[in-house]
Amino acid sequence: MPIISATGISKKYSLRDQQTRRRGLGALFREIVGPVEGTSDSVALSEGEFWALRDVDLSVSSGDTLGVIGLNGAGKTTLMSLLAGVIKPDTGSVVHNGDVQAVLSLGAGINAKLTGRQNAESGVALRATSVEQREEMIARIESFSELGEFFDSPVGYYSSGMRARLGFAICISATPQAILIDEALSVGDASFKQKCLLYLEQLRRRGVGMVMVSHSMTSIRQFCDSAIWVHDGQIRARGPSGEVVHEYLQFVEQRQSSSLATPAPAKEGDRPLLPASDRAAATEASPIKSVTGTAFNAADRSPAVRTLGPVERELHLSGQPGEWIRPDITATEVNELYGRQRAEPGVDEFAAVMLVNGQPTNEVRPHESVEIEYRFRLREPAANLNVSLVFHKEGSGRLATISTLNRDLLKGLDTDGLVHCKVRVPDMVLAPGDYVVTISIHDGKPYLWRDVILAFRVRTSDLLTWGDVNLPYSYEVYTAVDQADAE
């Protein structure tokens, strides 16, 4: 028999505060005295009302670990409040077949004027069946919270982390048959979170059913066997946690704006940007060109510059108008996020493009081979020309730099002022996310031009990643290791 069983539960709220209070008082009155003849609860929405949750069914049995994911405002907290019995559904029912504890807010029910011990006494008053059990539970709270002498100090003097310790310790002072956790572990220090997670893992092994809400997809994958995705008050997907998380992340990615760099209002003091050409992008197929020049592979064991060509290459940029559209990022944003913009261009006819399989793109899959092609014309000869491409996580600092300073690839270049290069990154190791590329063009140390030139996204995959770098790897797991026969 399920410990928690929810059947067809729905909850509606009003955008009007007075209407919400009136409906709440009516629900409380009917809860106390029972249904009143001649009145009924309408399931239809009145003016100003909306469904926070609609027709949800779920059950949690012993040993189940269910994750709940979704966007902010999707209905996750409303669902948890209904499952905990904190609020009543407008339709449907929630049945508990055993002790169910809710860790919905670690500070809920804690009186700042009382000491930690007094709050603990209040928290166990209705749960302890004897004086001995009461004292045992209080001692467990004192030990788990690790507050020391502050356990007998007023909670009003506690830090948020200390309040979190006390609140969680009170919630788990008695072992329930099921526990509900709504982002309660998002506060507190790292050691406290780890201690809580270890305790929850122990409860899971004892067969305690769990429902966990989290915005950490890693936590859901690691801790939960199954998951549901709540969207607009309804369950949009349910199943194994890995599959539901993957489907949800794909939705989030697709939901984001197709414009990777969101325009921001220009601020006073913004200097003019290097103008882009006509906004219509070129659509002709990339022409095959016979090229000569030099080449350099940084991945070689002994990297060296070698002569290139004549050899055929597929080049996308041809110098026609509309080949490059500058990302919509203001000069102020560039200066604040990606280093100082240099708006006095010493170059003309700049264009750049990111290519995958020879086709322009601003979306890349993890570990795909990527090319960045750029060209420009120098206004004046540059004896010590060098160019750097800098990769930034959108809205933060630099992650990597590719520079022609390695082996002085452009120094003394004789091309009548035209510079045309292609950089190949054979394995996109950046983790899923949004990125920008800046270019710095120098004659020696002084800048000729510096600005953001590309914005792109590394798409999510069905593999979890941490940090900003997604290292390529292979894994071998050995189930048996025997001594090899030697001849």
Protein backbone atom coordinates (compact mmCIF):
# COMPACT_ATOMS: atom_id res chain seq x y z
CA MET A 1 0.00 0.00 0.00
CA PRO A 2 1.43 3.43 -0.92
CA ILE A 3 2.48 5.64 1.97
CA ILE A 4 1.30 8.71 0.03
CA SER A 5 -1.44 8.50 -2.56
CA ALA A 6 -2.66 11.56 -4.48
CA THR A 7 -5.60 11.20 -6.86
CA GLY A 8 -6.75 13.95 -9.22
CA ILE A 9 -5.56 16.77 -6.95
CA SER A 10 -6.00 20.34 -8.14
CA LYS A 11 -5.48 23.72 -6.50
CA LYS A 12 -6.55 27.14 -7.67
CA TYR A 13 -5.56 30.57 -6.43
CA SER A 14 -6.76 34.07 -7.00
CA LEU A 15 -4.75 37.03 -8.19
CA ARG A 16 -6.82 39.12 -5.79
CA ASP A 17 -5.70 39.06 -2.16
CA GLN A 18 -9.15 39.63 -0.69
CA GLN A 19 -10.68 36.83 -2.76
CA THR A 20 -7.89 34.46 -1.67
CA ARG A 21 -8.52 35.21 2.02
CA ARG A 22 -12.28 34.76 1.60
CA ARG A 23 -11.84 31.37 -0.09
CA GLY A 24 -9.34 30.32 2.61
CA LEU A 25 -11.68 31.22 5.43
CA GLY A 26 -14.52 29.39 3.71
CA ALA A 27 -12.39 26.28 3.30
CA LEU A 28 -11.36 26.44 6.98
CA PHE A 29 -14.97 26.79 8.10
CA ARG A 30 -16.04 23.77 6.06
CA GLU A 31 -13.08 21.82 7.42
CA ILE A 32 -14.27 22.50 10.98
CA VAL A 33 -18.04 22.18 10.72
CA GLY A 34 -18.38 20.14 7.53
CA PRO A 35 -20.24 20.99 4.31
CA VAL A 36 -22.99 23.56 4.64
CA GLU A 37 -26.32 22.73 2.98
CA GLY A 38 -26.96 24.90 -0.08
CA THR A 39 -23.29 25.62 -0.74
CA SER A 40 -20.82 23.85 -2.95
CA ASP A 41 -17.21 24.20 -4.06
CA SER A 42 -17.17 25.07 -7.72
CA VAL A 43 -14.30 23.63 -9.73
CA ALA A 44 -14.76 26.29 -12.39
CA LEU A 45 -12.43 29.25 -12.35
CA SER A 46 -13.89 32.58 -11.29
CA GLU A 47 -12.62 35.89 -12.57
CA GLY A 48 -9.07 36.47 -11.45
CA GLU A 49 -8.43 32.81 -10.53
CA PHE A 50 -5.93 30.38 -12.04
CA TRP A 51 -4.98 26.73 -11.62
CA ALA A 52 -1.70 26.36 -9.73
CA LEU A 53 -2.04 22.57 -10.04
CA ARG A 54 -4.46 20.53 -12.10
CA ASP A 55 -5.44 16.81 -12.04
CA VAL A 56 -2.25 15.34 -10.63
CA ASP A 57 -1.97 11.66 -9.71
CA LEU A 58 1.01 10.11 -7.96
CA SER A 59 1.91 7.61 -5.27
CA VAL A 60 4.95 7.01 -3.09
CA SER A 61 5.63 3.61 -1.56
CA SER A 62 8.26 2.38 0.86
CA GLY A 63 11.75 2.89 -0.59
CA ASP A 64 10.60 5.10 -3.49
CA THR A 65 12.64 8.22 -4.22
CA LEU A 66 10.71 10.60 -6.46
CA GLY A 67 12.23 13.79 -7.83
CA VAL A 68 10.09 16.79 -8.80
CA ILE A 69 11.51 19.24 -11.36
CA GLY A 70 10.18 22.17 -13.34
CA LEU A 71 10.49 25.88 -13.95
CA ASN A 72 9.83 28.46 -11.26
CA GLY A 73 6.08 28.88 -10.85
CA ALA A 74 5.29 25.50 -12.43
CA GLY A 75 3.41 24.26 -9.33
CA LYS A 76 6.10 22.24 -7.52
CA THR A 77 5.73 23.96 -4.14
CA THR A 78 1.94 23.81 -4.37
CA LEU A 79 2.20 20.07 -5.04
CA MET A 80 4.46 19.53 -2.04
CA SER A 81 2.18 21.59 0.22
CA LEU A 82 -0.78 19.47 -0.86
CA LEU A 83 1.11 16.22 -0.30
CA ALA A 84 2.16 17.44 3.15
CA GLY A 85 -1.38 18.42 4.10
CA VAL A 86 -0.41 22.05 4.64
CA ILE A 87 -3.16 23.10 2.21
CA LYS A 88 -6.24 21.27 0.99
CA PRO A 89 -6.89 20.44 -2.68
CA ASP A 90 -9.87 22.01 -4.44
CA THR A 91 -10.45 18.69 -6.19
CA GLY A 92 -9.11 15.19 -5.58
CA SER A 93 -7.65 13.71 -2.43
CA VAL A 94 -4.35 13.01 -0.67
CA VAL A 95 -4.18 9.94 1.58
CA HIS A 96 -1.37 9.15 4.05
CA ASN A 97 -0.88 5.59 5.17
CA GLY A 98 1.82 6.22 7.75
CA ASP A 99 3.85 9.03 9.29
CA VAL A 100 4.80 11.64 6.68
CA GLN A 101 7.16 14.47 7.57
CA ALA A 102 7.72 17.56 5.42
CA VAL A 103 10.91 19.61 5.19
CA LEU A 104 9.36 22.41 3.17
CA SER A 105 11.03 25.35 4.86
CA LEU A 106 13.74 24.97 7.47
CA GLY A 107 12.74 28.16 9.25
CA ALA A 108 9.00 27.44 9.37
CA GLY A 109 7.58 27.25 12.89
CA ILE A 110 10.76 28.48 14.59
CA ASN A 111 10.24 31.28 17.11
CA ALA A 112 13.15 33.74 17.09
CA LYS A 113 12.41 34.77 20.69
CA LEU A 114 12.85 31.24 22.02
CA THR A 115 16.10 29.37 22.44
CA GLY A 116 17.07 26.48 20.21
CA ARG A 117 16.18 24.04 23.01
CA GLN A 118 12.76 25.63 23.56
CA ASN A 119 12.05 25.44 19.84
CA ALA A 120 13.08 21.79 19.87
CA GLU A 121 10.74 21.12 22.80
CA SER A 122 7.91 22.78 20.91
CA GLY A 123 8.74 20.83 17.74
CA VAL A 124 8.56 17.40 19.39
CA ALA A 125 5.65 18.12 21.75
CA LEU A 126 3.01 16.48 19.54
CA ARG A 127 5.27 13.74 18.17
CA ALA A 128 6.65 12.23 21.38
CA THR A 129 4.46 9.63 23.10
CA SER A 130 6.35 9.63 26.40
CA VAL A 131 8.68 11.80 28.47
CA GLU A 132 11.57 9.44 27.68
CA GLN A 133 10.97 9.67 23.93
CA ARG A 134 10.66 13.44 24.20
CA GLU A 135 14.03 13.76 25.95
CA GLU A 136 15.62 11.37 23.46
CA MET A 137 14.35 13.40 20.49
CA ILE A 138 15.59 16.68 21.98
CA ALA A 139 19.01 15.15 22.61
CA ARG A 140 19.06 13.96 18.99
CA ILE A 141 18.21 17.47 17.76
CA GLU A 142 20.97 18.99 19.90
CA SER A 143 23.52 16.48 18.61
CA PHE A 144 22.56 16.66 14.93
CA SER A 145 22.38 20.48 14.81
CA GLU A 146 25.91 20.83 16.24
CA LEU A 147 24.98 24.21 17.73
CA GLY A 148 26.94 23.62 20.95
CA GLU A 149 26.32 26.28 23.60
CA PHE A 150 24.18 28.25 21.13
CA PHE A 151 21.47 25.58 21.51
CA ASP A 152 20.44 27.43 24.69
CA SER A 153 20.65 30.89 23.09
CA PRO A 154 17.75 32.78 21.46
CA VAL A 155 17.30 31.85 17.80
CA GLY A 156 17.13 35.55 16.97
CA TYR A 157 20.91 35.63 17.34
CA TYR A 158 21.42 32.71 14.93
CA SER A 159 22.86 33.00 11.44
CA SER A 160 20.83 31.59 8.55
CA GLY A 161 23.05 28.50 8.54
CA MET A 162 22.45 27.90 12.25
CA ARG A 163 18.71 28.24 11.74
CA ALA A 164 18.94 25.72 8.92
CA ARG A 165 20.75 23.25 11.17
CA LEU A 166 18.12 23.60 13.89
CA GLY A 167 15.18 23.41 11.48
CA PHE A 168 16.38 20.26 9.73
CA ALA A 169 17.29 18.57 13.01
CA ILE A 170 13.76 19.21 14.35
CA CYS A 171 12.17 17.89 11.15
CA ILE A 172 14.05 14.59 11.22
CA SER A 173 14.02 14.08 15.01
CA ALA A 174 11.67 11.12 14.51
CA THR A 175 12.05 8.62 11.66
CA PRO A 176 8.99 8.91 9.39
CA GLN A 177 7.74 6.43 6.79
CA ALA A 178 7.94 9.12 4.09
CA ILE A 179 9.61 12.51 3.89
CA LEU A 180 8.93 15.51 1.61
CA ILE A 181 11.82 17.88 0.82
CA ASP A 182 11.22 21.15 -1.05
CA GLU A 183 14.58 22.82 -1.77
CA ALA A 184 15.16 22.91 1.98
CA LEU A 185 18.79 21.92 1.55
CA SER A 186 19.58 24.94 -0.65
CA VAL A 187 20.69 26.88 2.43
CA GLY A 188 23.40 26.19 4.99
CA ASP A 189 27.09 25.50 4.66
CA ALA A 190 28.57 22.71 2.55
CA SER A 191 29.37 20.42 5.48
CA PHE A 192 25.82 20.70 6.81
CA LYS A 193 24.34 19.88 3.39
CA GLN A 194 26.60 16.85 3.13
CA LYS A 195 25.55 15.68 6.60
CA CYS A 196 21.87 16.05 5.68
CA LEU A 197 22.31 14.17 2.41
CA LEU A 198 24.13 11.33 4.18
CA TYR A 199 21.29 11.08 6.68
CA LEU A 200 18.69 11.07 3.92
CA GLU A 201 20.63 8.31 2.18
CA GLN A 202 20.46 6.29 5.40
CA LEU A 203 16.70 6.84 5.55
CA ARG A 204 16.34 5.70 1.95
CA ARG A 205 18.22 2.49 2.70
CA ARG A 206 15.83 1.86 5.58
CA GLY A 207 12.93 2.02 3.14
CA VAL A 208 11.70 5.55 3.89
CA GLY A 209 9.82 6.94 0.89
CA MET A 210 10.97 10.34 -0.34
CA VAL A 211 9.78 13.13 -2.61
CA MET A 212 12.41 15.78 -3.40
CA VAL A 213 12.03 19.10 -5.23
CA SER A 214 15.26 20.51 -6.59
CA HIS A 215 16.60 22.77 -9.33
CA SER A 216 19.85 20.75 -9.25
CA MET A 217 19.53 18.17 -11.98
CA THR A 218 22.64 16.49 -10.60
CA SER A 219 20.95 15.99 -7.22
CA ILE A 220 17.85 14.55 -8.89
CA ARG A 221 19.94 12.14 -11.00
CA GLN A 222 22.08 11.07 -8.04
CA PHE A 223 19.38 10.76 -5.41
CA CYS A 224 16.11 9.87 -7.14
CA ASP A 225 15.17 6.68 -8.95
CA SER A 226 12.21 8.29 -10.71
CA ALA A 227 11.06 11.82 -11.43
CA ILE A 228 8.15 13.91 -12.59
CA TRP A 229 8.36 17.14 -14.56
CA VAL A 230 5.69 19.67 -13.54
CA HIS A 231 4.84 22.32 -16.11
CA ASP A 232 2.00 24.85 -15.93
CA GLY A 233 0.44 22.93 -13.04
CA GLN A 234 0.37 19.55 -14.77
CA ILE A 235 2.70 16.58 -15.00
CA ARG A 236 4.34 16.81 -18.40
CA ALA A 237 6.62 13.78 -18.06
CA ARG A 238 7.29 10.97 -15.60
CA GLY A 239 9.65 8.02 -15.56
CA PRO A 240 13.26 7.15 -14.68
CA SER A 241 15.01 10.26 -13.35
CA GLY A 242 17.69 10.28 -16.08
CA GLU A 243 15.14 10.26 -18.90
CA VAL A 244 12.92 12.93 -17.34
CA VAL A 245 15.88 15.20 -16.57
CA HIS A 246 17.14 14.87 -20.15
CA GLU A 247 13.71 15.73 -21.59
CA TYR A 248 13.38 18.70 -19.24
CA LEU A 249 16.82 20.08 -20.10
CA GLN A 250 16.06 19.82 -23.80
CA PHE A 251 12.86 21.78 -23.22
CA VAL A 252 14.70 24.48 -21.26
CA GLU A 253 17.27 24.80 -24.01
CA GLN A 254 14.65 25.09 -26.75
CA ARG A 255 12.66 27.57 -24.68
CA GLN A 256 15.51 30.02 -24.52
CA SER A 257 15.58 32.80 -27.02
CA SER A 258 17.07 32.00 -30.42
CA SER A 259 19.13 35.14 -29.98
CA LEU A 260 22.02 34.04 -27.80
CA ALA A 261 23.05 37.57 -26.88
CA THR A 262 20.10 39.54 -25.53
CA PRO A 263 20.17 43.22 -26.51
CA ALA A 264 20.44 45.64 -23.61
CA PRO A 265 19.58 49.33 -23.60
CA ALA A 266 22.55 51.48 -24.47
CA LYS A 267 23.94 53.35 -21.49
CA GLU A 268 25.22 56.87 -21.43
CA GLY A 269 28.85 56.79 -22.41
CA ASP A 270 28.56 53.83 -24.79
CA ARG A 271 30.87 54.42 -27.70
CA PRO A 272 29.86 53.54 -31.23
CA LEU A 273 30.46 49.97 -32.31
CA LEU A 274 32.28 48.84 -35.39
CA PRO A 275 29.36 48.90 -37.84
CA ALA A 276 28.13 45.61 -39.26
CA SER A 277 27.23 45.35 -42.91
CA ASP A 278 23.78 44.76 -44.26
CA ARG A 279 21.79 42.53 -41.85
CA ALA A 280 20.92 39.99 -44.54
CA ALA A 281 23.19 36.98 -44.12
CA ALA A 282 24.77 35.42 -47.18
CA THR A 283 23.20 32.11 -48.16
CA GLU A 284 25.37 30.98 -51.05
CA ALA A 285 27.19 27.70 -50.71
CA SER A 286 30.78 27.93 -49.49
CA PRO A 287 33.09 28.15 -52.54
CA ILE A 288 36.12 25.91 -52.97
CA LYS A 289 39.30 27.96 -53.18
CA SER A 290 42.89 27.12 -53.94
CA VAL A 291 44.92 28.58 -51.10
CA THR A 292 48.53 28.94 -50.06
CA GLY A 293 49.94 30.08 -46.75
CA THR A 294 51.09 28.49 -43.49
CA ALA A 295 49.56 26.02 -41.03
CA PHE A 296 50.14 25.19 -37.38
CA ASN A 297 48.70 22.38 -35.21
CA ALA A 298 49.04 23.05 -31.50
CA ALA A 299 48.13 19.41 -30.73
CA ASP A 300 51.22 18.03 -32.46
CA ARG A 301 53.88 16.51 -30.23
CA SER A 302 56.37 19.07 -31.55
CA PRO A 303 54.22 21.95 -32.90
CA ALA A 304 55.79 23.69 -35.85
CA VAL A 305 54.72 26.03 -38.64
CA ARG A 306 54.56 24.37 -42.02
CA THR A 307 53.93 25.62 -45.51
CA LEU A 308 50.36 25.20 -46.75
CA GLY A 309 49.40 24.74 -50.33
CA PRO A 310 48.59 25.26 -52.91
CA VAL A 311 45.68 23.18 -51.59
CA GLU A 312 41.90 23.31 -51.97
CA ARG A 313 39.88 24.65 -49.04
CA GLU A 314 36.21 25.36 -48.57
CA LEU A 315 35.97 28.98 -47.46
CA HIS A 316 32.75 30.58 -46.34
CA LEU A 317 33.80 34.23 -46.22
CA SER A 318 34.30 36.06 -49.48
CA GLY A 319 34.11 39.72 -48.46
CA GLN A 320 30.50 40.22 -49.56
CA PRO A 321 28.17 42.45 -47.48
CA GLY A 322 26.05 40.64 -44.89
CA GLU A 323 28.48 37.84 -44.10
CA TRP A 324 28.80 38.87 -40.45
CA ILE A 325 26.21 40.09 -37.98
CA ARG A 326 27.70 41.43 -34.77
CA PRO A 327 26.10 40.02 -31.60
CA ASP A 328 23.76 42.49 -29.91
CA ILE A 329 25.97 43.29 -26.94
CA THR A 330 26.51 46.93 -26.00
CA ALA A 331 29.91 48.52 -25.51
CA THR A 332 29.17 48.89 -21.80
CA GLU A 333 28.42 45.18 -21.46
CA VAL A 334 31.60 44.31 -23.35
CA ASN A 335 33.65 46.52 -21.04
CA GLU A 336 32.00 45.12 -17.89
CA LEU A 337 31.98 41.45 -18.84
CA TYR A 338 34.59 40.64 -21.44
CA GLY A 339 37.37 43.20 -21.15
CA ARG A 340 37.66 46.68 -22.58
CA GLN A 341 36.25 47.25 -26.04
CA ARG A 342 38.50 49.09 -28.52
CA ALA A 343 36.19 51.08 -30.77
CA GLU A 344 38.84 52.82 -32.87
CA PRO A 345 39.14 50.15 -35.54
CA GLY A 346 42.38 49.84 -37.39
CA VAL A 347 40.68 47.32 -39.66
CA ASP A 348 37.91 47.35 -42.26
CA GLU A 349 35.63 44.75 -43.86
CA PHE A 350 35.65 42.50 -40.79
CA ALA A 351 33.65 39.28 -40.93
CA ALA A 352 33.61 36.10 -38.86
CA VAL A 353 31.60 32.87 -38.81
CA MET A 354 31.45 29.67 -36.79
CA LEU A 355 31.18 26.51 -38.87
CA VAL A 356 30.25 22.91 -38.20
CA ASN A 357 30.63 20.55 -41.14
CA GLY A 358 31.21 23.59 -43.34
CA GLN A 359 27.88 25.19 -42.43
CA PRO A 360 27.40 28.40 -40.42
CA THR A 361 25.90 27.80 -36.99
CA ASN A 362 25.58 29.25 -33.51
CA GLU A 363 24.78 25.89 -31.87
CA VAL A 364 27.37 23.19 -31.24
CA ARG A 365 27.05 19.72 -29.79
CA PRO A 366 29.53 18.60 -27.13
CA HIS A 367 32.78 17.29 -28.66
CA GLU A 368 31.89 18.36 -32.20
CA SER A 369 34.62 19.67 -34.47
CA VAL A 370 34.24 23.43 -34.86
CA GLU A 371 35.86 25.98 -37.14
CA ILE A 372 36.03 29.75 -36.76
CA GLU A 373 36.79 31.61 -39.96
CA TYR A 374 37.53 35.34 -39.95
CA ARG A 375 38.85 37.96 -42.34
CA PHE A 376 39.59 41.66 -42.28
CA ARG A 377 41.61 44.27 -44.13
CA LEU A 378 44.26 46.34 -42.39
CA ARG A 379 44.01 50.11 -42.83
CA GLU A 380 47.78 50.41 -42.56
CA PRO A 381 50.63 47.87 -42.70
CA ALA A 382 51.30 46.07 -39.40
CA ALA A 383 54.82 44.73 -38.94
CA ASN A 384 54.00 42.78 -35.78
CA LEU A 385 50.41 41.68 -36.41
CA ASN A 386 48.88 39.21 -33.95
CA VAL A 387 45.31 38.08 -33.32
CA SER A 388 43.76 36.43 -30.25
CA LEU A 389 40.38 34.70 -30.05
CA VAL A 390 39.12 34.62 -26.46
CA PHE A 391 36.27 32.33 -25.32
CA HIS A 392 34.09 33.58 -22.48
CA LYS A 393 31.21 32.02 -20.59
CA GLU A 394 28.31 34.36 -21.28
CA GLY A 395 28.26 36.98 -18.54
CA SER A 396 31.55 35.96 -16.92
CA GLY A 397 35.30 35.73 -17.39
CA ARG A 398 37.53 34.18 -20.00
CA LEU A 399 37.86 30.43 -20.35
CA ALA A 400 40.40 29.94 -23.14
CA THR A 401 42.48 31.86 -25.66
CA ILE A 402 43.75 30.91 -29.11
CA SER A 403 46.48 33.27 -30.31
CA THR A 404 48.70 33.68 -33.35
CA LEU A 405 51.43 34.70 -30.92
CA ASN A 406 52.22 31.01 -30.77
CA ARG A 407 54.87 30.73 -33.49
CA ASP A 408 54.13 34.33 -34.64
CA LEU A 409 51.80 33.08 -37.38
CA LEU A 410 50.90 36.58 -38.67
CA LYS A 411 54.12 38.47 -38.02
CA GLY A 412 55.49 39.95 -41.23
CA LEU A 413 52.48 38.70 -43.21
CA ASP A 414 52.54 39.97 -46.80
CA THR A 415 48.96 39.91 -48.14
CA ASP A 416 48.36 43.51 -49.28
CA GLY A 417 46.49 44.14 -46.05
CA LEU A 418 43.96 41.28 -46.38
CA VAL A 419 44.03 38.78 -43.50
CA HIS A 420 41.99 35.57 -43.91
CA CYS A 421 42.30 32.75 -41.35
CA LYS A 422 40.49 29.66 -40.19
CA VAL A 423 40.88 28.09 -36.75
CA ARG A 424 39.82 24.49 -36.23
CA VAL A 425 38.91 23.20 -32.78
CA PRO A 426 38.69 19.42 -33.28
CA ASP A 427 36.86 18.72 -30.02
CA MET A 428 34.47 21.21 -28.39
CA VAL A 429 35.25 20.56 -24.74
CA LEU A 430 33.21 23.44 -23.30
CA ALA A 431 30.33 22.25 -21.16
CA PRO A 432 26.73 22.94 -22.24
CA GLY A 433 25.93 26.64 -21.93
CA ASP A 434 26.09 29.99 -23.70
CA TYR A 435 29.39 31.52 -24.75
CA VAL A 436 30.83 34.52 -26.58
CA VAL A 437 34.06 34.96 -28.53
CA THR A 438 36.03 38.20 -28.54
CA ILE A 439 38.79 39.07 -30.96
CA SER A 440 41.85 41.18 -30.18
CA ILE A 441 43.83 42.45 -33.18
CA HIS A 442 47.22 43.97 -32.32
CA ASP A 443 50.20 45.51 -33.99
CA GLY A 444 52.68 44.42 -31.34
CA LYS A 445 51.09 45.40 -28.02
CA PRO A 446 48.80 48.27 -29.14
CA TYR A 447 45.27 47.34 -30.18
CA LEU A 448 44.00 47.80 -33.70
CA TRP A 449 40.56 46.55 -32.68
CA ARG A 450 38.89 44.49 -29.94
CA ASP A 451 35.25 43.46 -29.65
CA VAL A 452 32.77 40.59 -29.35
CA ILE A 453 32.45 38.81 -32.69
CA LEU A 454 30.48 35.60 -32.07
CA ALA A 455 27.89 34.21 -29.66
CA PHE A 456 27.14 30.51 -29.58
CA ARG A 457 25.60 27.76 -27.49
CA VAL A 458 26.90 24.33 -26.61
CA ARG A 459 23.82 22.17 -26.47
CA THR A 460 22.96 19.76 -23.68
CA SER A 461 23.42 16.04 -24.04
CA ASP A 462 22.22 13.03 -22.10
CA LEU A 463 25.45 13.10 -20.04
CA LEU A 464 25.85 15.14 -16.88
CA THR A 465 28.61 17.74 -16.82
CA TRP A 466 30.14 19.85 -14.07
CA GLY A 467 32.16 23.03 -14.38
CA ASP A 468 32.95 24.79 -17.65
CA VAL A 469 35.04 22.06 -19.29
CA ASN A 470 33.61 18.78 -20.56
CA LEU A 471 36.68 16.57 -20.89
CA PRO A 472 36.56 13.79 -23.50
CA TYR A 473 37.06 10.43 -21.85
CA SER A 474 36.50 6.70 -22.09
CA TYR A 475 35.72 4.39 -19.21
CA GLU A 476 36.45 0.74 -18.50
CA VAL A 477 34.83 -1.08 -15.57
CA TYR A 478 36.30 -4.47 -14.64
CA THR A 479 34.08 -7.07 -13.03
CA ALA A 480 36.87 -9.63 -12.72
CA VAL A 481 40.64 -9.50 -12.95
CA ASP A 482 42.50 -12.79 -13.38
CA GLN A 483 46.19 -13.47 -13.68
CA ALA A 484 47.10 -13.81 -17.35
CA ASP A 485 48.75 -17.07 -18.40
CA ALA A 486 52.44 -16.56 -19.04
CA GLU A 487 54.15 -18.67 -21.62
